[in-house]
Each structure stands twice: as C-alpha cells, then as structure tokens.
Amino acid sequence: MKNQALVVAAIFGFLGVALGAFGAHSLEAILKANERLETWHTAVLYQFVHAGLLLVLGILQAAKPAKLLRIATWCSVIGILIFSGSLYILSITNIKWLGAITPIGGLSFLAAWALLLVHSLQTKSNA
C-alpha cells in the first residue's frame, strides 16, 4: 500500500522546485512589475518547509500509523494549497483579497505542527 503522505511530499517538493525556478526565470519581470516577487518566494519557502513536514509525517506513519498523523498530513496539504496557493495566485494576479484567505492556510500549518507535537508527547519512547 502506498504511503500517501510520502507521495504528496514528493509531489509538493517537486512542484516547489519547479515553481521556484519558474518564478525566478519566467515570471521575474511580471512579479517585479507588481512588486510580488517576495510574495512568490514566501509561497515557495512555505511549500518546501511543509513538504518536508509531510515527508516526516509519512516516515512516521510508515513506522506506526496513527490518526493524529493522518490528520496532521491533511492539515499540511490544506495549508500548502491555501497558504502557498493563495500567495502564488496573488503574485500573478495582484488580486489583493486573496491575502485575506492566506492566514487560513497558516492556521492549517499550525494545526499540523500541533498535532505532531501531541502525537510525539503521547508516543512512548523505546530508548
């Protein structure tokens, strides 16, 4: 059975590299014109960080599946889609109201990290 968190981590990691390069090379003039290059870079950074979190969650789930880890995985995915996704669209379109939904993605990221913390505190160590 495939490990969904690892599959999604690989997809988001791949897309992070692709979108980072695309923004730096193909969109640079457009993003500089509307002063959104830094916004694009923030979206890429958060996508990468949380692709890494998904990787960790996938490895943990492979070792010992847990409900909190599955929920944290979904929170991470939703966070990337809403946080980074809204920033990518904002960067290209300059539609300012998209910035209002970005914090929802941030809250999803916080939930994912909190769930990982709770899971870690509940898990007994073999050391």
C-alpha atoms as a PDB file:
ATOM      1  CA  MET A   1       0.000   0.000   0.000  1.00  0.00           C
ATOM      2  CA  LYS A   2       1.370   3.397  -0.930  1.00  0.00           C
ATOM      3  CA  ASN A   3       2.162   5.912   1.781  1.00  0.00           C
ATOM      4  CA  GLN A   4       0.003   8.897   0.845  1.00  0.00           C
ATOM      5  CA  ALA A   5       1.997  11.388   2.906  1.00  0.00           C
ATOM      6  CA  LEU A   6       5.220  10.404   1.126  1.00  0.00           C
ATOM      7  CA  VAL A   7       3.547  10.605  -2.292  1.00  0.00           C
ATOM      8  CA  VAL A   8       2.167  14.071  -1.539  1.00  0.00           C
ATOM      9  CA  ALA A   9       5.517  15.175  -0.038  1.00  0.00           C
ATOM     10  CA  ALA A  10       7.277  14.158  -3.252  1.00  0.00           C
ATOM     11  CA  ILE A  11       4.703  15.975  -5.399  1.00  0.00           C
ATOM     12  CA  PHE A  12       4.865  19.195  -3.356  1.00  0.00           C
ATOM     13  CA  GLY A  13       8.669  19.016  -3.199  1.00  0.00           C
ATOM     14  CA  PHE A  14       8.885  18.600  -6.976  1.00  0.00           C
ATOM     15  CA  LEU A  15       6.412  21.423  -7.545  1.00  0.00           C
ATOM     16  CA  GLY A  16       8.311  23.633  -5.092  1.00  0.00           C
ATOM     17  CA  VAL A  17      11.469  23.313  -7.171  1.00  0.00           C
ATOM     18  CA  ALA A  18       9.541  23.830 -10.410  1.00  0.00           C
ATOM     19  CA  LEU A  19       7.583  26.841  -9.134  1.00  0.00           C
ATOM     20  CA  GLY A  20      10.684  28.381  -7.581  1.00  0.00           C
ATOM     21  CA  ALA A  21      12.544  28.130 -10.879  1.00  0.00           C
ATOM     22  CA  PHE A  22       9.512  29.277 -12.875  1.00  0.00           C
ATOM     23  CA  GLY A  23       9.098  32.331 -10.652  1.00  0.00           C
ATOM     24  CA  ALA A  24      12.797  33.181 -10.761  1.00  0.00           C
ATOM     25  CA  HIS A  25      13.207  32.790 -14.509  1.00  0.00           C
ATOM     26  CA  SER A  26       9.902  33.029 -16.348  1.00  0.00           C
ATOM     27  CA  LEU A  27       7.845  35.283 -14.095  1.00  0.00           C
ATOM     28  CA  GLU A  28      10.535  37.536 -12.686  1.00  0.00           C
ATOM     29  CA  ALA A  29       9.644  40.548 -14.866  1.00  0.00           C
ATOM     30  CA  ILE A  30       5.914  40.218 -14.120  1.00  0.00           C
ATOM     31  CA  LEU A  31       6.445  39.679 -10.399  1.00  0.00           C
ATOM     32  CA  LYS A  32       8.881  42.599 -10.128  1.00  0.00           C
ATOM     33  CA  ALA A  33       6.460  44.830 -12.032  1.00  0.00           C
ATOM     34  CA  ASN A  34       3.682  44.297  -9.485  1.00  0.00           C
ATOM     35  CA  GLU A  35       6.147  44.026  -6.568  1.00  0.00           C
ATOM     36  CA  ARG A  36       5.159  40.410  -5.805  1.00  0.00           C
ATOM     37  CA  LEU A  37       8.477  38.579  -6.244  1.00  0.00           C
ATOM     38  CA  GLU A  38       8.951  38.380  -2.458  1.00  0.00           C
ATOM     39  CA  THR A  39       5.386  37.058  -2.074  1.00  0.00           C
ATOM     40  CA  TRP A  40       6.176  34.311  -4.614  1.00  0.00           C
ATOM     41  CA  HIS A  41       9.349  33.418  -2.707  1.00  0.00           C
ATOM     42  CA  THR A  42       7.370  33.197   0.550  1.00  0.00           C
ATOM     43  CA  ALA A  43       4.902  30.794  -1.092  1.00  0.00           C
ATOM     44  CA  VAL A  44       7.763  28.594  -2.341  1.00  0.00           C
ATOM     45  CA  LEU A  45       9.509  28.624   1.056  1.00  0.00           C
ATOM     46  CA  TYR A  46       6.399  27.575   2.973  1.00  0.00           C
ATOM     47  CA  GLN A  47       5.610  24.913   0.386  1.00  0.00           C
ATOM     48  CA  PHE A  48       9.108  23.449   0.796  1.00  0.00           C
ATOM     49  CA  VAL A  49       9.055  23.537   4.583  1.00  0.00           C
ATOM     50  CA  HIS A  50       5.717  21.776   4.700  1.00  0.00           C
ATOM     51  CA  ALA A  51       6.674  19.272   2.002  1.00  0.00           C
ATOM     52  CA  GLY A  52       9.437  18.406   4.481  1.00  0.00           C
ATOM     53  CA  LEU A  53       6.873  18.077   7.243  1.00  0.00           C
ATOM     54  CA  LEU A  54       4.849  15.765   5.003  1.00  0.00           C
ATOM     55  CA  LEU A  55       7.984  13.680   4.469  1.00  0.00           C
ATOM     56  CA  VAL A  56       8.460  13.342   8.225  1.00  0.00           C
ATOM     57  CA  LEU A  57       4.784  12.508   8.724  1.00  0.00           C
ATOM     58  CA  GLY A  58       4.985   9.866   6.008  1.00  0.00           C
ATOM     59  CA  ILE A  59       8.030   8.247   7.563  1.00  0.00           C
ATOM     60  CA  LEU A  60       6.375   8.240  10.995  1.00  0.00           C
ATOM     61  CA  GLN A  61       3.182   6.763   9.559  1.00  0.00           C
ATOM     62  CA  ALA A  62       5.154   4.049   7.778  1.00  0.00           C
ATOM     63  CA  ALA A  63       6.708   3.067  11.107  1.00  0.00           C
ATOM     64  CA  LYS A  64       3.491   3.225  13.120  1.00  0.00           C
ATOM     65  CA  PRO A  65       0.225   4.540  11.624  1.00  0.00           C
ATOM     66  CA  ALA A  66      -1.692   6.949  13.846  1.00  0.00           C
ATOM     67  CA  LYS A  67      -4.850   9.011  13.480  1.00  0.00           C
ATOM     68  CA  LEU A  68      -3.173  12.233  14.649  1.00  0.00           C
ATOM     69  CA  LEU A  69      -0.511  11.819  11.971  1.00  0.00           C
ATOM     70  CA  ARG A  70      -3.151  11.309   9.265  1.00  0.00           C
ATOM     71  CA  ILE A  71      -4.956  14.468  10.391  1.00  0.00           C
ATOM     72  CA  ALA A  72      -1.645  16.367  10.511  1.00  0.00           C
ATOM     73  CA  THR A  73      -0.978  15.214   6.946  1.00  0.00           C
ATOM     74  CA  TRP A  74      -4.310  16.620   5.775  1.00  0.00           C
ATOM     75  CA  CYS A  75      -3.701  19.872   7.647  1.00  0.00           C
ATOM     76  CA  SER A  76      -0.328  20.203   5.912  1.00  0.00           C
ATOM     77  CA  VAL A  77      -1.831  19.565   2.472  1.00  0.00           C
ATOM     78  CA  ILE A  78      -4.660  22.020   3.079  1.00  0.00           C
ATOM     79  CA  GLY A  79      -2.156  24.555   4.413  1.00  0.00           C
ATOM     80  CA  ILE A  80       0.023  24.305   1.307  1.00  0.00           C
ATOM     81  CA  LEU A  81      -2.961  24.597  -1.012  1.00  0.00           C
ATOM     82  CA  ILE A  82      -4.479  27.581   0.782  1.00  0.00           C
ATOM     83  CA  PHE A  83      -1.378  29.419   2.062  1.00  0.00           C
ATOM     84  CA  SER A  84       1.051  28.906  -0.802  1.00  0.00           C
ATOM     85  CA  GLY A  85      -1.703  28.628  -3.405  1.00  0.00           C
ATOM     86  CA  SER A  86      -3.261  31.958  -2.467  1.00  0.00           C
ATOM     87  CA  LEU A  87       0.165  33.632  -2.482  1.00  0.00           C
ATOM     88  CA  TYR A  88       1.009  32.189  -5.907  1.00  0.00           C
ATOM     89  CA  ILE A  89      -2.266  33.480  -7.338  1.00  0.00           C
ATOM     90  CA  LEU A  90      -1.871  36.831  -5.556  1.00  0.00           C
ATOM     91  CA  SER A  91       1.627  37.185  -7.005  1.00  0.00           C
ATOM     92  CA  ILE A  92       0.468  36.645 -10.565  1.00  0.00           C
ATOM     93  CA  THR A  93      -2.898  38.420 -10.492  1.00  0.00           C
ATOM     94  CA  ASN A  94      -2.333  41.053  -7.776  1.00  0.00           C
ATOM     95  CA  ILE A  95      -5.880  40.352  -6.527  1.00  0.00           C
ATOM     96  CA  LYS A  96      -5.414  41.711  -3.022  1.00  0.00           C
ATOM     97  CA  TRP A  97      -8.363  39.999  -1.308  1.00  0.00           C
ATOM     98  CA  LEU A  98      -6.538  36.680  -1.718  1.00  0.00           C
ATOM     99  CA  GLY A  99      -4.276  37.846   1.086  1.00  0.00           C
ATOM    100  CA  ALA A 100      -7.295  37.581   3.386  1.00  0.00           C
ATOM    101  CA  ILE A 101      -7.535  33.786   2.977  1.00  0.00           C
ATOM    102  CA  THR A 102      -3.802  33.128   3.332  1.00  0.00           C
ATOM    103  CA  PRO A 103      -3.997  33.019   7.177  1.00  0.00           C
ATOM    104  CA  ILE A 104      -6.418  30.069   6.936  1.00  0.00           C
ATOM    105  CA  GLY A 105      -3.576  28.118   5.384  1.00  0.00           C
ATOM    106  CA  GLY A 106      -1.295  29.347   8.157  1.00  0.00           C
ATOM    107  CA  LEU A 107      -3.732  28.045  10.756  1.00  0.00           C
ATOM    108  CA  SER A 108      -3.723  24.683   8.973  1.00  0.00           C
ATOM    109  CA  PHE A 109       0.079  24.636   9.228  1.00  0.00           C
ATOM    110  CA  LEU A 110      -0.101  25.431  12.940  1.00  0.00           C
ATOM    111  CA  ALA A 111      -2.630  22.633  13.436  1.00  0.00           C
ATOM    112  CA  ALA A 112      -0.352  20.151  11.644  1.00  0.00           C
ATOM    113  CA  TRP A 113       2.624  21.043  13.827  1.00  0.00           C
ATOM    114  CA  ALA A 114       0.473  20.955  16.982  1.00  0.00           C
ATOM    115  CA  LEU A 115      -0.860  17.517  16.065  1.00  0.00           C
ATOM    116  CA  LEU A 116       2.677  16.261  15.519  1.00  0.00           C
ATOM    117  CA  LEU A 117       3.589  17.638  18.948  1.00  0.00           C
ATOM    118  CA  VAL A 118       0.610  15.967  20.641  1.00  0.00           C
ATOM    119  CA  HIS A 119       1.373  12.684  18.882  1.00  0.00           C
ATOM    120  CA  SER A 120       5.030  12.916  19.945  1.00  0.00           C
ATOM    121  CA  LEU A 121       4.093  13.588  23.582  1.00  0.00           C
ATOM    122  CA  GLN A 122       1.694  10.631  23.580  1.00  0.00           C
ATOM    123  CA  THR A 123       4.153   8.193  21.996  1.00  0.00           C
ATOM    124  CA  LYS A 124       6.286   6.167  24.351  1.00  0.00           C
ATOM    125  CA  SER A 125       9.977   6.064  23.534  1.00  0.00           C
ATOM    126  CA  ASN A 126      11.842   2.766  23.188  1.00  0.00           C
ATOM    127  CA  ALA A 127      15.074   4.434  24.317  1.00  0.00           C
END
